[in-house]
Every structure is written in structure tokens, then in C-alpha cells.
Protein backbone atom coordinates (compact mmCIF):
# COMPACT_ATOMS: atom_id res chain seq x y z
CA MET A 1 0.07 -0.03 -0.20
CA ASN A 2 1.20 3.40 -1.06
CA ASN A 3 1.12 5.41 2.44
CA GLN A 4 2.88 8.80 1.01
CA PRO A 5 1.34 11.88 2.75
CA VAL A 6 -1.33 13.46 0.89
CA LEU A 7 0.19 16.83 -0.68
CA TYR A 8 -0.98 20.37 0.53
CA ASP A 9 -2.60 21.02 -2.24
CA SER A 10 -3.97 18.06 -2.92
CA LEU A 11 -5.40 17.99 0.72
CA LYS A 12 -7.27 21.21 0.03
CA THR A 13 -9.38 20.05 -3.13
CA ILE A 14 -10.26 16.58 -1.19
CA LEU A 15 -11.47 18.89 1.93
CA TYR A 16 -13.20 21.47 -0.41
CA HIS A 17 -15.60 18.48 -1.50
CA MET A 18 -15.71 16.96 1.61
CA ASP A 19 -18.96 16.43 3.68
CA ALA A 20 -18.69 19.38 6.05
CA ASN A 21 -19.75 17.55 9.01
CA LEU A 22 -17.31 14.99 7.72
CA ARG A 23 -14.71 18.07 7.59
CA ILE A 24 -15.96 19.42 11.06
CA ASN A 25 -14.89 16.20 12.96
CA MET A 26 -11.94 15.32 11.13
CA SER A 27 -10.63 18.49 12.39
CA GLN A 28 -11.60 18.17 15.92
CA ARG A 29 -10.13 14.49 15.92
CA ILE A 30 -6.50 15.42 13.95
CA PRO A 31 -5.08 18.66 14.98
CA SER A 32 -2.38 18.41 12.04
CA ILE A 33 -5.26 19.29 9.27
CA ARG A 34 -7.22 21.79 11.65
CA ALA A 35 -5.14 25.41 10.25
CA THR A 36 -5.77 23.56 7.01
CA GLU A 37 -9.14 22.52 6.99
CA ARG A 38 -10.19 26.19 8.31
CA ALA A 39 -8.56 27.72 5.43
CA VAL A 40 -10.60 25.93 2.79
CA PRO A 41 -14.00 27.55 2.20
CA LEU A 42 -16.77 25.02 3.73
CA LYS A 43 -19.70 23.96 1.85
CA MET A 44 -22.99 23.24 2.59
CA LYS A 45 -26.29 22.01 1.22
CA CYS A 46 -28.68 22.95 3.78
CA LEU A 47 -27.69 25.04 6.85
CA SER A 48 -30.23 26.00 9.10
CA PHE A 49 -29.77 28.17 12.81
CA SER A 50 -32.36 27.90 15.47
CA ASP A 51 -31.62 29.57 19.66
CA THR A 52 -30.04 26.01 20.42
CA THR A 53 -29.49 24.00 17.43
CA VAL A 54 -28.04 23.99 14.00
CA ASN A 55 -28.61 21.43 10.96
CA ILE A 56 -25.92 20.76 8.41
CA ASN A 57 -27.33 19.11 5.73
CA ASP A 58 -28.44 16.07 7.50
CA VAL A 59 -26.79 16.57 10.81
CA ARG A 60 -28.69 18.23 13.35
CA TYR A 61 -26.51 19.21 16.79
CA GLU A 62 -28.58 20.37 19.66
CA LEU A 63 -27.66 21.23 23.36
CA ASN A 64 -30.24 21.91 26.31
CA VAL A 65 -30.11 21.90 29.62
CA TYR A 66 -31.40 19.05 32.05
CA ARG A 67 -32.56 18.27 35.12
CA ASP A 68 -31.00 15.65 37.27
CA TYR A 69 -32.90 14.54 40.45
CA PRO A 70 -31.93 12.43 43.35
CA ASN A 71 -34.93 10.02 43.01
CA GLY A 72 -33.19 9.22 38.79
CA ASP A 73 -35.66 11.37 37.21
CA PHE A 74 -33.97 13.95 34.61
CA LEU A 75 -35.86 16.74 32.96
CA ARG A 76 -35.32 18.79 30.17
CA GLY A 77 -35.69 22.22 30.93
CA ALA A 78 -36.85 25.48 28.49
CA GLY A 79 -33.47 27.27 29.32
CA ASP A 80 -31.11 27.92 32.33
CA PHE A 81 -31.66 27.68 36.30
CA ASP A 82 -30.34 30.09 38.85
CA ARG A 83 -28.68 28.41 42.22
CA PHE A 84 -32.07 28.21 43.67
CA GLY A 85 -33.91 26.17 40.64
CA PHE A 86 -35.52 29.47 39.22
CA GLU A 87 -35.87 28.98 35.20
CA ILE A 88 -34.23 32.04 34.11
CA PRO A 89 -36.38 34.03 31.51
CA PHE A 90 -35.15 32.54 27.69
CA GLY A 91 -35.04 36.17 26.39
CA SER A 92 -33.26 37.82 28.73
CA SER A 93 -29.95 36.51 28.01
CA PRO A 94 -27.11 38.96 26.90
CA ILE A 95 -26.42 39.66 23.26
CA LEU A 96 -22.53 38.50 23.06
CA PRO A 97 -20.01 40.06 19.89
CA GLY A 98 -21.04 38.89 16.90
CA ASP A 99 -24.45 37.38 17.79
CA VAL A 100 -27.49 37.83 15.57
CA SER A 101 -30.46 38.91 17.39
CA VAL A 102 -33.81 38.54 16.05
CA ARG A 103 -35.74 38.87 19.40
CA ASN A 104 -39.42 41.12 19.41
CA GLU A 105 -37.55 43.69 21.28
CA ASP A 106 -41.44 44.80 22.53
CA ALA A 107 -41.65 41.46 24.12
CA GLU A 108 -42.13 41.21 28.01
CA PHE A 109 -40.27 37.90 29.51
CA VAL A 110 -41.80 36.58 33.08
CA GLU A 111 -40.24 36.49 35.77
CA THR A 112 -41.06 33.50 37.67
CA ASP A 113 -39.60 34.40 41.30
CA THR A 114 -42.24 37.00 42.03
CA ASP A 115 -44.50 36.51 45.43
CA GLU A 116 -47.54 36.59 42.91
CA TRP A 117 -45.79 33.23 41.38
CA GLU A 118 -45.00 31.65 44.42
CA GLN A 119 -48.96 32.28 45.82
CA TYR A 120 -50.46 30.78 42.06
CA PHE A 121 -48.10 27.74 42.71
CA GLN A 122 -49.49 27.37 46.76
CA THR A 123 -53.21 27.83 45.53
CA LEU A 124 -52.94 25.59 42.61
CA LEU A 125 -51.58 22.54 45.24
CA ILE A 126 -53.96 23.30 47.97
CA ARG A 127 -56.77 23.09 45.02
CA SER A 128 -55.47 19.95 43.48
CA GLU A 129 -55.07 18.45 46.79
CA ILE A 130 -58.64 18.92 48.27
CA PHE A 131 -60.31 17.79 44.66
CA LEU A 132 -58.17 14.42 44.70
CA GLN A 133 -59.09 13.69 48.43
CA LEU A 134 -62.79 14.40 47.48
CA MET A 135 -62.55 11.87 44.47
CA SER A 136 -60.43 9.49 46.73
CA GLU A 137 -63.33 9.54 48.93
CA MET A 138 -66.10 8.94 46.26
CA GLY A 139 -63.96 5.83 44.85
CA SER A 140 -63.91 4.47 48.58
CA GLY A 141 -67.77 4.73 48.67
CA VAL A 142 -68.09 8.09 50.71
CA THR A 143 -70.48 10.67 49.08
CA PRO A 144 -69.14 14.09 50.36
CA LYS A 145 -71.93 16.33 51.70
CA TRP A 146 -71.54 19.18 48.53
CA GLU A 147 -73.52 21.53 50.17
CA ASP A 148 -70.72 21.94 53.25
CA VAL A 149 -67.70 21.44 51.27
CA TRP A 150 -68.50 22.84 47.57
CA MET A 151 -66.54 26.48 47.09
CA PRO A 152 -66.97 28.61 43.73
CA TRP A 153 -63.56 27.62 42.79
CA MET A 154 -64.31 24.08 42.04
CA SER A 155 -66.09 24.69 38.91
CA ASP A 156 -63.41 24.88 36.97
CA TYR A 157 -61.95 21.38 38.41
CA VAL A 158 -65.02 19.45 37.62
CA GLY A 159 -64.39 17.09 34.41
CA ILE A 160 -60.16 17.07 35.47
CA THR A 161 -59.38 13.45 35.25
CA GLU A 162 -57.41 12.18 38.63
CA GLU A 163 -54.61 11.45 36.91
CA ARG A 164 -54.42 15.04 35.38
CA LEU A 165 -55.35 16.40 38.77
CA GLN A 166 -51.85 14.57 39.99
CA GLU A 167 -49.95 16.01 37.29
CA MET A 168 -50.72 19.61 38.15
CA ALA A 169 -50.06 19.22 42.25
CA ASN A 170 -46.75 17.45 41.03
CA HIS A 171 -46.27 20.38 39.16
CA ALA A 172 -47.11 22.95 41.87
CA ARG A 173 -44.81 21.17 44.34
CA GLU A 174 -41.93 21.16 41.86
CA LYS A 175 -42.64 24.87 41.09
CA LEU A 176 -42.27 25.97 44.88
CA LYS A 177 -39.53 24.21 45.92
CA PRO A 178 -36.80 27.23 44.02
CA PHE A 179 -38.93 29.10 46.76
CA HIS A 180 -38.58 27.26 49.67
CA CYS A 181 -34.44 26.98 48.96
CA ARG A 182 -33.97 30.67 48.04
CA ARG A 183 -35.94 31.04 51.14
CA HIS A 184 -33.41 29.14 53.46
CA ASN A 185 -30.29 29.56 50.97
CA LEU A 186 -30.40 25.80 50.08
CA PRO A 187 -28.77 25.21 47.05
CA ARG A 188 -31.39 24.17 44.35
CA PRO A 189 -33.17 21.17 44.46
CA PHE A 190 -31.62 19.23 41.57
CA ASN A 191 -28.22 18.97 39.65
CA CYS A 192 -28.21 20.33 36.09
CA TYR A 193 -26.18 19.54 33.15
CA ILE A 194 -25.88 20.47 29.53
CA GLN A 195 -26.62 17.80 27.34
CA PHE A 196 -25.34 17.33 23.41
CA SER A 197 -27.02 15.63 21.28
CA VAL A 198 -26.36 14.95 17.45
CA LYS A 199 -28.82 13.45 14.88
CA LYS A 200 -28.31 11.83 11.40
CA ASN A 201 -31.16 11.72 9.21
CA GLY A 202 -33.55 11.38 12.13
CA LYS A 203 -31.47 8.60 13.70
CA ALA A 204 -29.85 9.78 17.34
CA LYS A 205 -26.51 9.10 18.37
CA PRO A 206 -25.77 8.80 22.45
CA PRO A 207 -26.15 11.80 23.69
CA GLN A 208 -22.76 13.76 25.63
CA LYS A 209 -23.50 15.12 29.32
CA LEU A 210 -21.49 18.38 29.88
CA ALA A 211 -21.02 20.02 33.47
CA TYR A 212 -22.85 22.80 33.83
CA THR A 213 -20.32 25.03 34.21
CA ARG A 214 -21.44 27.77 32.20
CA LYS A 215 -25.13 29.14 30.88
CA LEU A 216 -26.73 27.51 27.97
CA TYR A 217 -26.15 30.08 25.57
CA GLU A 218 -22.38 30.62 26.27
CA ALA A 219 -22.31 26.24 25.80
CA VAL A 220 -23.92 27.16 22.14
CA LYS A 221 -22.05 30.15 21.74
CA GLN A 222 -18.36 28.17 22.10
CA PHE A 223 -19.87 25.73 20.43
CA ASN A 224 -20.83 27.70 17.24
CA GLN A 225 -17.05 28.84 17.55
CA ILE A 226 -16.06 25.25 16.98
CA LEU A 227 -18.32 24.88 13.93
CA PHE A 228 -17.41 28.55 12.28
CA ALA A 229 -14.88 30.72 13.54
CA ASN A 230 -12.43 32.33 11.57
CA ARG A 231 -13.38 30.65 8.08
CA PRO A 232 -13.44 31.92 5.01
CA VAL A 233 -17.16 32.70 3.40
CA ILE A 234 -18.91 29.93 4.01
CA GLN A 235 -20.85 28.75 0.80
CA VAL A 236 -24.37 27.05 1.42
CA ASN A 237 -26.97 26.25 -1.27
CA GLN A 238 -29.91 26.71 1.12
CA LEU A 239 -29.94 29.00 4.28
CA VAL A 240 -32.84 28.72 6.42
CA CYS A 241 -33.04 30.87 9.41
CA HIS A 242 -36.48 30.42 11.82
CA GLY A 243 -35.58 30.94 15.33
CA ASN A 244 -37.01 33.61 17.10
CA GLN A 245 -34.41 34.50 19.87
CA VAL A 246 -30.79 34.94 19.25
CA TYR A 247 -28.20 33.09 16.86
CA ARG A 248 -25.08 32.44 18.99
CA ILE A 249 -22.55 33.51 15.97
CA PRO A 250 -18.75 33.87 16.33
CA VAL A 251 -17.61 37.33 15.32
CA GLY A 252 -16.70 37.76 11.51
CA LEU A 253 -18.81 34.97 10.37
CA LYS A 254 -19.89 35.65 6.93
CA ILE A 255 -22.24 32.84 4.50
CA SER A 256 -23.04 32.67 0.66
CA ALA A 257 -26.21 31.37 0.09
CA ASN A 258 -27.89 30.50 -3.37
CA GLU A 259 -31.47 30.39 -0.75
CA LEU A 260 -32.34 32.16 1.97
CA LYS A 261 -35.50 31.61 3.94
CA VAL A 262 -36.17 33.75 6.55
CA ARG A 263 -39.13 35.90 8.38
CA GLN A 264 -39.92 39.36 6.82
CA SER A 265 -38.54 40.63 11.11
CA GLN A 266 -35.41 39.13 10.78
CA ILE A 267 -34.26 40.62 7.42
CA PRO A 268 -32.20 43.46 8.88
CA SER A 269 -30.43 41.18 11.41
CA ILE A 270 -29.65 38.40 9.27
CA ALA A 271 -28.29 40.78 6.23
CA THR A 272 -25.14 41.54 8.74
CA ILE A 273 -23.85 38.16 8.34
CA LEU A 274 -24.63 37.55 4.55
CA ASP A 275 -21.64 38.10 1.92
CA HIS A 276 -24.26 37.27 -0.84
CA VAL A 277 -27.93 35.88 -1.65
CA SER A 278 -29.02 34.98 -5.21
CA THR A 279 -32.70 33.62 -4.11
CA LEU A 280 -34.91 35.52 -1.24
CA ARG A 281 -37.58 33.35 0.45
CA VAL A 282 -39.80 35.61 2.72
CA PHE A 283 -42.66 34.21 5.50
CA ALA A 284 -44.41 36.79 7.02
CA TRP A 285 -43.88 36.99 10.72
CA GLY A 286 -46.19 39.98 12.32
CA ASN A 287 -46.23 43.67 10.75
CA VAL A 288 -43.71 45.02 9.28
CA GLU A 289 -43.85 48.01 7.43
CA ASN A 290 -41.74 48.17 3.95
CA TRP A 291 -39.61 45.39 4.67
CA TRP A 292 -39.31 45.08 0.70
CA GLN A 293 -37.13 48.34 0.72
CA HIS A 294 -34.28 46.40 2.35
CA ARG A 295 -30.99 46.26 0.15
CA LEU A 296 -31.01 42.78 0.93
CA VAL A 297 -34.27 41.77 -0.60
CA GLN A 298 -33.72 44.79 -3.73
CA ASN A 299 -30.39 43.09 -4.82
CA VAL A 300 -31.33 39.05 -4.98
CA ASN A 301 -31.89 37.97 -8.27
CA GLU A 302 -34.95 36.32 -7.42
CA LEU A 303 -37.55 37.06 -4.80
CA ILE A 304 -40.01 34.68 -3.29
CA ILE A 305 -42.92 36.08 -1.06
CA ASP A 306 -45.14 33.89 0.79
CA ASN A 307 -48.03 35.58 2.30
CA PRO A 308 -48.16 38.98 0.69
CA PRO A 309 -49.52 42.03 2.11
CA LEU A 310 -52.94 43.24 1.07
CA ALA A 311 -53.69 44.00 -2.29
CA GLU A 312 -53.93 47.91 -1.66
CA GLN A 313 -49.75 47.75 -0.77
CA PHE A 314 -49.13 45.41 -3.72
CA ALA A 315 -48.72 48.59 -6.00
CA LEU A 316 -46.46 50.30 -4.00
CA MET A 317 -44.31 47.18 -3.71
CA ILE A 318 -44.16 45.53 -6.99
CA ARG A 319 -43.17 48.94 -8.08
CA THR A 320 -40.53 49.19 -5.67
CA LEU A 321 -39.00 45.99 -6.41
CA GLY A 322 -36.46 45.35 -9.19
CA ASN A 323 -35.57 41.90 -8.68
CA LYS A 324 -35.20 39.67 -12.15
CA ILE A 325 -37.26 37.32 -11.08
CA ILE A 326 -40.46 38.38 -8.26
CA ARG A 327 -42.94 34.95 -7.24
CA PHE A 328 -45.99 35.44 -5.20
CA HIS A 329 -47.18 32.84 -3.33
CA ASP A 330 -50.51 32.17 -1.34
CA LEU A 331 -51.94 35.39 -2.30
CA ARG A 332 -55.30 36.17 -0.65
CA THR A 333 -58.41 36.17 -2.72
CA LEU A 334 -58.35 38.71 -5.33
CA SER A 335 -60.39 39.39 -8.18
CA THR A 336 -59.43 38.61 -11.90
CA GLU A 337 -59.33 42.50 -12.30
CA GLN A 338 -56.63 43.06 -9.03
CA TYR A 339 -54.80 40.47 -10.59
CA CYS A 340 -54.42 42.33 -13.82
CA GLU A 341 -53.56 45.72 -12.18
CA LEU A 342 -50.87 43.62 -10.53
CA ILE A 343 -49.31 42.84 -14.19
CA GLU A 344 -49.69 46.08 -14.99
CA ASN A 345 -47.73 47.58 -11.98
CA TRP A 346 -45.26 45.54 -12.42
CA MET A 347 -44.98 46.43 -16.46
CA SER A 348 -45.12 50.00 -15.26
CA VAL A 349 -41.53 49.83 -14.32
CA LYS A 350 -38.47 49.52 -16.91
CA ARG A 351 -37.39 46.12 -16.69
CA GLU A 352 -34.39 43.85 -17.96
CA THR A 353 -35.57 41.81 -21.07
CA GLY A 354 -35.90 38.19 -19.34
CA ALA A 355 -37.55 39.34 -16.20
CA GLU A 356 -40.45 37.55 -14.98
CA LEU A 357 -43.36 37.77 -12.64
CA TRP A 358 -45.33 34.57 -10.79
CA ILE A 359 -48.63 35.41 -9.63
CA GLY A 360 -50.27 32.38 -7.20
CA ILE A 361 -53.80 32.04 -8.01
CA ASP A 362 -56.56 31.01 -5.73
CA ILE A 363 -59.23 29.56 -9.01
CA LYS A 364 -57.52 27.17 -11.50
CA LYS A 365 -59.86 29.10 -14.02
CA ARG A 366 -58.21 32.47 -13.61
CA ARG A 367 -54.97 30.96 -15.42
CA LYS A 368 -56.83 31.71 -18.43
CA ASN A 369 -59.33 34.56 -17.41
CA VAL A 370 -56.19 36.53 -16.49
CA PRO A 371 -54.53 36.43 -19.90
CA LYS A 372 -58.16 36.99 -21.77
CA MET A 373 -58.68 40.58 -19.58
CA MET A 374 -55.33 41.31 -20.17
CA GLN A 375 -55.83 41.55 -24.29
CA THR A 376 -58.75 44.34 -23.36
CA ARG A 377 -56.66 45.80 -21.50
CA MET A 378 -53.13 46.19 -23.76
CA GLU A 379 -52.56 46.07 -27.59
CA VAL A 380 -52.12 42.30 -28.10
CA VAL A 381 -49.04 41.21 -30.18
CA ARG A 382 -49.61 37.47 -30.51
CA LYS A 383 -52.02 34.68 -28.80
CA ASP A 384 -52.22 30.98 -28.97
CA GLU A 385 -53.92 28.57 -26.75
CA ARG A 386 -51.28 28.51 -23.89
CA CYS A 387 -50.25 32.44 -24.04
CA VAL A 388 -50.64 36.12 -24.94
CA ARG A 389 -48.03 37.95 -25.82
CA ILE A 390 -49.18 42.10 -25.40
CA ARG A 391 -47.16 45.32 -26.31
CA GLY A 392 -44.48 46.92 -23.82
CA GLU A 393 -42.62 49.40 -23.58
CA ASN A 394 -38.86 50.27 -25.61
CA GLY A 395 -39.66 47.66 -27.89
CA THR A 396 -40.37 44.91 -25.57
CA GLN A 397 -43.25 42.40 -25.19
CA ILE A 398 -44.90 40.63 -22.19
CA GLU A 399 -45.82 36.96 -22.50
CA LEU A 400 -48.69 36.16 -20.14
CA CYS A 401 -49.18 32.57 -19.27
CA GLY A 402 -51.13 30.18 -17.30
CA LYS A 403 -48.62 28.17 -15.64
CA LYS A 404 -47.69 25.54 -12.55
CA SER A 405 -45.10 27.33 -10.21
CA MET A 406 -42.54 26.04 -8.22
CA ASP A 407 -44.54 24.88 -5.72
CA ARG A 408 -46.89 22.62 -7.88
CA ARG A 409 -49.49 25.17 -7.88
CA TRP A 410 -51.28 27.34 -10.61
CA ALA A 411 -50.04 30.87 -11.05
CA VAL A 412 -49.89 33.38 -14.12
CA LYS A 413 -46.67 33.67 -15.33
CA ALA A 414 -45.29 37.49 -17.07
CA LYS A 415 -42.16 37.42 -18.70
CA ILE A 416 -40.29 40.36 -20.78
CA ILE A 417 -39.02 39.41 -23.91
CA GLU A 418 -37.07 40.83 -27.26
CA ASN A 419 -39.01 41.43 -30.19
């Protein structure tokens, strides 16, 4: 067997074409290639972030905090815990250098260690136990005198099963323990650890338990440092950003994406880590005014918009957008005339030859009705069974057809062509 070492340039070529997950794993196991591996651009088919997960191609990496109880029970937490066992509100963690925040800054996070919450859980526990006692008595053949025991709050508990009542009581006891620990300056009633899990094609590998010596957001930050820090622009075919808190990104990370899927509200934040995007798919999330005017939206070659705005906002949007290909999916119900007005608004702006507009239609018959009505509004150059050509400006023509779009639903397609 030939055991000659791989030359530097050959190693770079091999690494460039290697699966991203395999590359990262090799780099951690073989320190001698680490510098070379990080110098070669990392390529991925798919990359998606959330607050505590990273998905690279078919592999999902996730970190979570778990509670380990003396009786052997362990439960997953929603986030971090303080020294008494109170949950730290997820939205209260700090923003670190390099992080991309997509939080709703107007949202209020709930403090769980207040006197009001202690009173609430005390009441829940007392009432659950009272009702459980009554159910136990009835199960043993004792019929309580309801006129003596009935209280107005009991109407809220009628119909709840004994099993569910027991769960409510256990939940209340669990929530009250941190109050007891704080009152007597005791450590939290459980041990915490961070669990690191990896799934490939949905199949989980044995998880790793990490000491809870840092907060969850710090552990996520460190893990993303291992994955992405000190690299040239990462090349991704499809980048998906659907988290709603903070992406713990290394300082200086840049991504070039063939396609980006993002919510309207996240566009300004996500744009800070982007080097280039070819296709942008935008999902509605809240009421974000004039999001389509952002430079990221304006500069992509193809723009796909799910859940577009109301018809009265369409005219402004469509005249503002200069993308070569524009696709509107999941339109609210519009009349045939409104579809024609959208096309006319698109045509009113000078566009390059080959520019396309795709408008999803709610009724299949509109694929023929819209081109037919456009013939009554514009000069017809040519028509056949499938398409109609109408006169545009500056010596161009617009071809209108009813076609199936990329999501296999019917749409009206308008395309600018030369004479």
C-alpha cells in the first residue's frame, strides 16, 4: 500500500469537496490538519440555525439543559436555571459580540420568582389536593355532602381526571421548591447538566453530558465557535433562519447562500452575516412595514414572497421591487381585475429582458381569465392556446401564460421578451 502523505494542495482539494460534517469531525480529531481545514471554504447543501440548534445537511446538533433529581428522574428545561432552581427567562440572556438577535424587542419576558407566582402555585397545589381527596373518598364509597364542601373555584376542576389532577399537584410542588431553597439559602433541589445530542437522518447518537459550568447560551456560543470561527465565507445552497431569539454566531462569520429562507422581521439582522444571496424566500411574521425596501431584498436575483400584503399595498411593493424574478405565493383572494392591475404595476417599471413575474392564483380558471382580460386592456401582439403576447414599452413584449409554479400550484407568469 502507498502510504505517502497527501500533499498540501491535494488536501485542500479533497477538503473542499468533502461533506461539511465529516470535515468538522476530522478537524477536531486530527489537530495537524486543523489550520488547513479552516482555510478551505466550507460548503453545505443546507444550513439552519435556531436558538439552541444547528442543522448542517442531514445532521442536527442540539444543546439543552437537563435537571437530574436524586430519585433518578431527569427533565429537560426550557433554558437556564439560577442557583435556587428558578428558570431564567429565555429572552433575558445577553447579546454577545458577533451574535445576531432576532428577538421581538417589545416582548416582555416573565419572571418566575415573584411572590405572585409563589401564591399561584400554592393555591394550585392546595386546590388540586383538596379535589384529589374528594375523588379518593368517592372512590372508597363515601359520598361527600357537597353543600358543606363545595367552593366556587371547584367548578374549574369539574371534569378533570384524577391523573391530570395529580400532574397539576406535582407540577405545583416542583415550582414551589425554588422558593423554599431561596428562603432558606439552600442549593437548587436538582443537579443540572448540558446535554449535547447529534442526530443524523433522524437517528440519534448517544448524547454527551457536559458539566453545567456555564450557561446554555455560552455553551451554544462556544460550539458555534468550533464549527464556524476563523473561516472564509461559508458557501451554502440553502440557508434557513427560523429561530426567534438569538443566533450565537462567531465574530466575522459571513455566509454566501444560493437560497435564503427568512421571516420579514429578521431581514435586517440576518443581512449582517450575509456575503451574497441569489434567491430570497420571505415568510410573513408580524406586521413589518416596508420590509421589501431593505437592500437585501432589493439586490437578490429571485424573490419569493409567501403570504404577501393586502391588495392595496401591492402596488407600492411591486413598483419598488426590481428583482429579475418575483414570485408571489399564497395570495389572499383577489379578483381577476386585481390580478391584471398587479401585472400592469409590474410593467410600469422599466425591467430587463428576461424579467419574470409569477403570481399564485386561488382558482384554477384564473390562469385563462387573467390573460384573457389583459387582452382587453393592452395591445395584443400574438396569442395561441397557451399564451398571449402584449405590447410593452421600449420595443419589448410581455408574454402571459397560466403555468404551474415551483411549488406545483397554478400561477400566472408574465415575462419580458425581445421583439
